Structures are given as C-alpha cells and as structure tokens.
C-alpha atoms as a PDB file:
ATOM      1  CA  MET A   1      69.954 -51.074  16.563  1.00  0.00           C
ATOM      2  CA  PRO A   2      68.346 -48.436  18.771  1.00  0.00           C
ATOM      3  CA  GLN A   3      70.116 -47.085  21.825  1.00  0.00           C
ATOM      4  CA  PRO A   4      68.881 -48.142  25.290  1.00  0.00           C
ATOM      5  CA  LYS A   5      65.614 -46.524  26.384  1.00  0.00           C
ATOM      6  CA  HIS A   6      66.596 -45.368  29.883  1.00  0.00           C
ATOM      7  CA  ILE A   7      67.530 -41.782  30.746  1.00  0.00           C
ATOM      8  CA  VAL A   8      69.872 -42.703  33.614  1.00  0.00           C
ATOM      9  CA  ARG A   9      70.388 -45.781  35.784  1.00  0.00           C
ATOM     10  CA  ILE A  10      68.918 -44.272  38.951  1.00  0.00           C
ATOM     11  CA  PRO A  11      65.252 -43.580  39.714  1.00  0.00           C
ATOM     12  CA  LEU A  12      64.014 -40.101  38.764  1.00  0.00           C
ATOM     13  CA  PRO A  13      60.816 -38.339  39.760  1.00  0.00           C
ATOM     14  CA  LYS A  14      58.046 -38.535  37.194  1.00  0.00           C
ATOM     15  CA  PRO A  15      57.486 -35.240  35.323  1.00  0.00           C
ATOM     16  CA  GLU A  16      54.090 -34.786  36.986  1.00  0.00           C
ATOM     17  CA  GLU A  17      55.759 -35.093  40.425  1.00  0.00           C
ATOM     18  CA  LEU A  18      58.024 -32.114  39.783  1.00  0.00           C
ATOM     19  CA  ASP A  19      57.330 -28.680  41.245  1.00  0.00           C
ATOM     20  CA  GLU A  20      55.499 -26.086  39.173  1.00  0.00           C
ATOM     21  CA  VAL A  21      58.642 -24.065  38.329  1.00  0.00           C
ATOM     22  CA  THR A  22      60.436 -27.118  36.921  1.00  0.00           C
ATOM     23  CA  GLN A  23      57.362 -28.222  34.979  1.00  0.00           C
ATOM     24  CA  LYS A  24      57.141 -24.725  33.466  1.00  0.00           C
ATOM     25  CA  TYR A  25      60.846 -24.889  32.520  1.00  0.00           C
ATOM     26  CA  PHE A  26      60.201 -28.227  30.798  1.00  0.00           C
ATOM     27  CA  THR A  27      57.224 -26.741  28.935  1.00  0.00           C
ATOM     28  CA  ILE A  28      59.520 -23.998  27.597  1.00  0.00           C
ATOM     29  CA  CYS A  29      62.026 -26.667  26.504  1.00  0.00           C
ATOM     30  CA  GLU A  30      59.259 -28.516  24.654  1.00  0.00           C
ATOM     31  CA  GLU A  31      58.207 -25.300  22.906  1.00  0.00           C
ATOM     32  CA  LYS A  32      61.733 -24.186  21.953  1.00  0.00           C
ATOM     33  CA  LEU A  33      63.452 -27.528  21.339  1.00  0.00           C
ATOM     34  CA  GLY A  34      60.585 -29.925  20.717  1.00  0.00           C
ATOM     35  CA  MET A  35      61.780 -32.045  23.652  1.00  0.00           C
ATOM     36  CA  VAL A  36      63.127 -31.950  27.188  1.00  0.00           C
ATOM     37  CA  PRO A  37      66.835 -32.816  26.991  1.00  0.00           C
ATOM     38  CA  ASN A  38      67.520 -35.949  29.021  1.00  0.00           C
ATOM     39  CA  VAL A  39      70.340 -34.210  30.864  1.00  0.00           C
ATOM     40  CA  LEU A  40      67.711 -31.926  32.389  1.00  0.00           C
ATOM     41  CA  ARG A  41      65.539 -34.868  33.318  1.00  0.00           C
ATOM     42  CA  ALA A  42      68.620 -36.492  34.886  1.00  0.00           C
ATOM     43  CA  TYR A  43      69.259 -33.482  37.103  1.00  0.00           C
ATOM     44  CA  THR A  44      65.765 -33.699  38.592  1.00  0.00           C
ATOM     45  CA  GLY A  45      67.347 -36.344  40.815  1.00  0.00           C
ATOM     46  CA  ASN A  46      68.331 -33.298  42.926  1.00  0.00           C
ATOM     47  CA  ILE A  47      66.124 -30.321  42.178  1.00  0.00           C
ATOM     48  CA  GLU A  48      68.413 -27.752  43.833  1.00  0.00           C
ATOM     49  CA  LYS A  49      71.323 -28.952  41.719  1.00  0.00           C
ATOM     50  CA  PHE A  50      68.995 -28.919  38.691  1.00  0.00           C
ATOM     51  CA  ARG A  51      68.466 -25.186  39.263  1.00  0.00           C
ATOM     52  CA  VAL A  52      72.193 -24.494  39.660  1.00  0.00           C
ATOM     53  CA  PHE A  53      73.038 -26.664  36.645  1.00  0.00           C
ATOM     54  CA  THR A  54      70.518 -25.005  34.311  1.00  0.00           C
ATOM     55  CA  SER A  55      71.484 -21.508  35.446  1.00  0.00           C
ATOM     56  CA  TYR A  56      75.197 -22.195  34.986  1.00  0.00           C
ATOM     57  CA  TYR A  57      74.736 -23.985  31.657  1.00  0.00           C
ATOM     58  CA  ASN A  58      72.621 -21.151  30.245  1.00  0.00           C
ATOM     59  CA  LYS A  59      75.165 -18.520  31.357  1.00  0.00           C
ATOM     60  CA  LEU A  60      78.139 -20.522  30.094  1.00  0.00           C
ATOM     61  CA  MET A  61      76.790 -21.706  26.760  1.00  0.00           C
ATOM     62  CA  LEU A  62      74.155 -19.178  25.679  1.00  0.00           C
ATOM     63  CA  ASP A  63      75.173 -15.801  27.104  1.00  0.00           C
ATOM     64  CA  GLU A  64      76.517 -13.495  24.414  1.00  0.00           C
ATOM     65  CA  LYS A  65      77.133 -10.424  26.607  1.00  0.00           C
ATOM     66  CA  ASP A  66      79.797 -11.678  29.003  1.00  0.00           C
ATOM     67  CA  CYS A  67      81.691 -14.025  26.677  1.00  0.00           C
ATOM     68  CA  ASN A  68      83.610 -13.231  23.495  1.00  0.00           C
ATOM     69  CA  LEU A  69      83.594 -16.852  22.346  1.00  0.00           C
ATOM     70  CA  THR A  70      80.849 -17.551  19.840  1.00  0.00           C
ATOM     71  CA  ILE A  71      78.196 -20.093  20.708  1.00  0.00           C
ATOM     72  CA  LEU A  72      79.643 -22.297  17.944  1.00  0.00           C
ATOM     73  CA  GLU A  73      83.131 -22.073  19.482  1.00  0.00           C
ATOM     74  CA  ARG A  74      81.719 -23.090  22.870  1.00  0.00           C
ATOM     75  CA  GLU A  75      79.839 -26.001  21.300  1.00  0.00           C
ATOM     76  CA  MET A  76      83.005 -27.083  19.483  1.00  0.00           C
ATOM     77  CA  ILE A  77      84.866 -27.098  22.801  1.00  0.00           C
ATOM     78  CA  ALA A  78      82.041 -29.177  24.299  1.00  0.00           C
ATOM     79  CA  VAL A  79      82.369 -31.737  21.510  1.00  0.00           C
ATOM     80  CA  VAL A  80      86.174 -31.902  21.574  1.00  0.00           C
ATOM     81  CA  VAL A  81      86.222 -32.394  25.355  1.00  0.00           C
ATOM     82  CA  SER A  82      83.484 -35.014  25.036  1.00  0.00           C
ATOM     83  CA  SER A  83      85.407 -36.740  22.256  1.00  0.00           C
ATOM     84  CA  ALA A  84      88.500 -36.925  24.466  1.00  0.00           C
ATOM     85  CA  ASN A  85      86.327 -38.413  27.230  1.00  0.00           C
ATOM     86  CA  ARG A  86      84.260 -40.587  24.852  1.00  0.00           C
ATOM     87  CA  CYS A  87      81.039 -39.243  26.347  1.00  0.00           C
ATOM     88  CA  TYR A  88      78.216 -40.670  24.264  1.00  0.00           C
ATOM     89  CA  TYR A  89      75.565 -38.306  25.623  1.00  0.00           C
ATOM     90  CA  CYS A  90      77.470 -35.088  24.941  1.00  0.00           C
ATOM     91  CA  LEU A  91      78.859 -36.233  21.597  1.00  0.00           C
ATOM     92  CA  VAL A  92      75.338 -36.891  20.337  1.00  0.00           C
ATOM     93  CA  ALA A  93      73.736 -33.760  21.841  1.00  0.00           C
ATOM     94  CA  HIS A  94      76.517 -31.244  21.210  1.00  0.00           C
ATOM     95  CA  GLY A  95      77.533 -32.802  17.898  1.00  0.00           C
ATOM     96  CA  GLN A  96      73.985 -31.994  16.791  1.00  0.00           C
ATOM     97  CA  ALA A  97      74.400 -28.428  18.088  1.00  0.00           C
ATOM     98  CA  VAL A  98      77.574 -27.997  16.002  1.00  0.00           C
ATOM     99  CA  ARG A  99      75.718 -29.312  12.942  1.00  0.00           C
ATOM    100  CA  GLN A 100      72.835 -26.924  13.564  1.00  0.00           C
ATOM    101  CA  ILE A 101      74.794 -23.758  14.385  1.00  0.00           C
ATOM    102  CA  SER A 102      77.414 -24.226  11.665  1.00  0.00           C
ATOM    103  CA  GLY A 103      74.943 -25.459   9.065  1.00  0.00           C
ATOM    104  CA  ASP A 104      77.583 -28.070   8.248  1.00  0.00           C
ATOM    105  CA  PRO A 105      76.787 -31.709   9.077  1.00  0.00           C
ATOM    106  CA  GLU A 106      80.297 -32.781   8.075  1.00  0.00           C
ATOM    107  CA  LEU A 107      81.866 -30.369  10.575  1.00  0.00           C
ATOM    108  CA  GLY A 108      79.651 -31.812  13.300  1.00  0.00           C
ATOM    109  CA  GLU A 109      80.817 -35.323  12.473  1.00  0.00           C
ATOM    110  CA  MET A 110      84.489 -34.312  12.273  1.00  0.00           C
ATOM    111  CA  MET A 111      84.249 -32.655  15.696  1.00  0.00           C
ATOM    112  CA  VAL A 112      82.756 -35.853  17.146  1.00  0.00           C
ATOM    113  CA  MET A 113      85.197 -38.274  15.543  1.00  0.00           C
ATOM    114  CA  ASN A 114      88.471 -36.351  15.266  1.00  0.00           C
ATOM    115  CA  TYR A 115      88.508 -32.566  15.140  1.00  0.00           C
ATOM    116  CA  ARG A 116      92.031 -32.649  13.699  1.00  0.00           C
ATOM    117  CA  VAL A 117      90.747 -33.770  10.271  1.00  0.00           C
ATOM    118  CA  ALA A 118      88.681 -30.571   9.916  1.00  0.00           C
ATOM    119  CA  GLU A 119      90.209 -27.688   7.975  1.00  0.00           C
ATOM    120  CA  LEU A 120      89.998 -25.128  10.752  1.00  0.00           C
ATOM    121  CA  ASP A 121      91.581 -21.696  10.943  1.00  0.00           C
ATOM    122  CA  LYS A 122      94.621 -21.340  13.216  1.00  0.00           C
ATOM    123  CA  ARG A 123      92.630 -19.583  15.953  1.00  0.00           C
ATOM    124  CA  THR A 124      90.015 -22.343  16.214  1.00  0.00           C
ATOM    125  CA  ARG A 125      92.632 -25.100  15.978  1.00  0.00           C
ATOM    126  CA  THR A 126      94.664 -23.525  18.791  1.00  0.00           C
ATOM    127  CA  MET A 127      91.565 -23.224  20.992  1.00  0.00           C
ATOM    128  CA  LEU A 128      90.551 -26.846  20.412  1.00  0.00           C
ATOM    129  CA  ASP A 129      94.111 -28.143  20.903  1.00  0.00           C
ATOM    130  CA  PHE A 130      94.155 -26.345  24.256  1.00  0.00           C
ATOM    131  CA  ALA A 131      90.767 -27.825  25.275  1.00  0.00           C
ATOM    132  CA  TRP A 132      91.961 -31.314  24.275  1.00  0.00           C
ATOM    133  CA  LYS A 133      95.192 -30.975  26.260  1.00  0.00           C
ATOM    134  CA  LEU A 134      93.352 -29.519  29.270  1.00  0.00           C
ATOM    135  CA  THR A 135      91.125 -32.613  29.185  1.00  0.00           C
ATOM    136  CA  LYS A 136      93.702 -35.318  28.483  1.00  0.00           C
ATOM    137  CA  SER A 137      96.677 -34.002  30.464  1.00  0.00           C
ATOM    138  CA  PRO A 138      95.649 -30.964  32.528  1.00  0.00           C
ATOM    139  CA  TYR A 139      98.819 -31.166  34.605  1.00  0.00           C
ATOM    140  CA  ASP A 140     100.847 -30.376  31.453  1.00  0.00           C
ATOM    141  CA  ILE A 141      99.151 -27.023  30.780  1.00  0.00           C
ATOM    142  CA  ASN A 142     101.632 -24.194  31.215  1.00  0.00           C
ATOM    143  CA  GLU A 143     102.322 -20.611  30.177  1.00  0.00           C
ATOM    144  CA  ILE A 144     103.422 -21.741  26.713  1.00  0.00           C
ATOM    145  CA  ASP A 145      99.899 -23.075  26.127  1.00  0.00           C
ATOM    146  CA  ARG A 146      98.267 -19.867  27.341  1.00  0.00           C
ATOM    147  CA  GLU A 147     100.676 -17.819  25.244  1.00  0.00           C
ATOM    148  CA  SER A 148      99.752 -19.834  22.143  1.00  0.00           C
ATOM    149  CA  LEU A 149      96.127 -18.791  22.771  1.00  0.00           C
ATOM    150  CA  ARG A 150      97.184 -15.139  23.126  1.00  0.00           C
ATOM    151  CA  GLN A 151      99.126 -15.367  19.849  1.00  0.00           C
ATOM    152  CA  ALA A 152      95.955 -16.716  18.231  1.00  0.00           C
ATOM    153  CA  GLU A 153      94.284 -13.463  19.382  1.00  0.00           C
ATOM    154  CA  PHE A 154      92.474 -14.753  22.457  1.00  0.00           C
ATOM    155  CA  SER A 155      92.312 -12.333  25.391  1.00  0.00           C
ATOM    156  CA  ASP A 156      92.940 -13.405  28.961  1.00  0.00           C
ATOM    157  CA  GLN A 157      89.149 -13.323  29.496  1.00  0.00           C
ATOM    158  CA  ASP A 158      88.780 -15.637  26.479  1.00  0.00           C
ATOM    159  CA  ILE A 159      91.346 -17.992  28.011  1.00  0.00           C
ATOM    160  CA  PHE A 160      89.264 -18.038  31.202  1.00  0.00           C
ATOM    161  CA  ASP A 161      86.155 -18.856  29.121  1.00  0.00           C
ATOM    162  CA  ILE A 162      87.934 -21.629  27.189  1.00  0.00           C
ATOM    163  CA  CYS A 163      89.056 -23.158  30.504  1.00  0.00           C
ATOM    164  CA  ASP A 164      85.596 -22.706  32.035  1.00  0.00           C
ATOM    165  CA  THR A 165      83.830 -24.381  29.105  1.00  0.00           C
ATOM    166  CA  SER A 166      86.365 -27.206  28.990  1.00  0.00           C
ATOM    167  CA  ALA A 167      86.110 -27.797  32.736  1.00  0.00           C
ATOM    168  CA  PHE A 168      82.301 -27.765  32.683  1.00  0.00           C
ATOM    169  CA  PHE A 169      82.148 -30.462  30.026  1.00  0.00           C
ATOM    170  CA  ASN A 170      84.709 -32.586  31.819  1.00  0.00           C
ATOM    171  CA  TYR A 171      82.296 -32.429  34.764  1.00  0.00           C
ATOM    172  CA  THR A 172      79.162 -33.178  32.733  1.00  0.00           C
ATOM    173  CA  ASN A 173      80.912 -36.001  30.882  1.00  0.00           C
ATOM    174  CA  ARG A 174      81.691 -37.661  34.185  1.00  0.00           C
ATOM    175  CA  MET A 175      78.104 -37.258  35.355  1.00  0.00           C
ATOM    176  CA  ALA A 176      76.870 -38.779  32.081  1.00  0.00           C
ATOM    177  CA  HIS A 177      79.293 -41.706  32.365  1.00  0.00           C
ATOM    178  CA  GLY A 178      78.555 -42.292  36.035  1.00  0.00           C
ATOM    179  CA  LEU A 179      74.781 -42.312  35.549  1.00  0.00           C
ATOM    180  CA  ASP A 180      74.859 -44.047  32.129  1.00  0.00           C
ATOM    181  CA  MET A 181      72.934 -41.095  30.702  1.00  0.00           C
ATOM    182  CA  MET A 182      71.351 -41.600  27.278  1.00  0.00           C
ATOM    183  CA  PRO A 183      70.743 -38.710  24.860  1.00  0.00           C
ATOM    184  CA  ASN A 184      67.334 -38.011  23.392  1.00  0.00           C
ATOM    185  CA  THR A 185      66.977 -40.051  20.210  1.00  0.00           C
ATOM    186  CA  GLU A 186      65.758 -36.944  18.358  1.00  0.00           C
ATOM    187  CA  TYR A 187      69.346 -35.591  18.288  1.00  0.00           C
ATOM    188  CA  HIS A 188      70.444 -38.389  15.953  1.00  0.00           C
ATOM    189  CA  LYS A 189      68.183 -37.234  13.116  1.00  0.00           C
ATOM    190  CA  LYS A 190      68.588 -33.473  13.325  1.00  0.00           C
ATOM    191  CA  ASN A 191      70.607 -31.291  10.961  1.00  0.00           C
ATOM    192  CA  ARG A 192      71.920 -34.038   8.703  1.00  0.00           C
END
C-alpha cells in the first residue's frame, strides 16, 4: 500500500511561484539528490523560515569544520530521536541517510526500529542513550548523564553538539507531526 500523496496538510506555493533564489536551491537539490526533499517544500509555507531552516540544517548536519561528531553520528542521533517520537517523515528520510553513509542497510533498520539491538561501540551507545533520554525525559538529564558522555571521550563541545542535534530533531519531528508531513517515496528504495 503506498503512503499518502500529500506533502503536508496545508496549502503550499507551487514551485513555479517561488522566488528565484528558492527555485535555484531546489534545482541544486534535484542535481545532488535527484529530488527536492518534502521537508524543504513544506518550509516554503514561510519563505523566511525556509531560509533559516535550510541554513541551520546545513550547518548542524553537514558542517565538518565546527563539529567533531561525524555526519553518521549526527544522522544516528536524528534517527534515534525520531524513533522515540515515532516521526514517520524523519525515520524514513534519516534512516535512509544512515543506510547510505554507513553502507549498512541493517544498521539503518536497527536505528529506525530499536537502536539497542545494534552492536554499537560504547561511545556510540552512550551518545544514543543520552539522545533518547533527552527526548523521552529531558527533565531527568543531569550531571551524571553529561559525565557518562565525557567518560565515553566526548568533549564539552561534543556534548553541546549532541544536545543541539537532539533538540533540532525534536523540533522537526513536531513540525512533521503537526503538518502530517510525508517523506519522498524515493527514500524507501534507496540503499537497501
């Protein structure tokens, strides 16, 4: 059974109605990814927020200069947070990213379903346990949790980045739920 065809449950501008800068950005997405991710289409509901969202996402998830976490680690956090929140959009999209970056389709599926079944090193497990707890019971995070990250060889800057990535995906998960955002169907077939 195919997923629903909508992008979100609110009206969006048609691609040809978008300003030239946004259309150019979408052309680059088509060239690099073979599609325009629906989350980007969704954010055209407010073009100023689209610009902030894309800038922040690119800095958070793709920058390799100002963040010691690998892109795979950041994608794993995205999937674990999205699993805790049961966010269909992000589980499909970022589960595919884990499959692609790791070259391991089974790891991608384990991250989506239950990261605890994966045989992960202590450092990665500690990071993902922290992201899960920060999502499910943020009020319970304390110095013991941060210290467990330090003992797993994460710096204080890394702890900031783990929190930042976790918080961002808690935000995007809520946007996806609230708008009933559907992922691009192409994600389902990639890297299997």
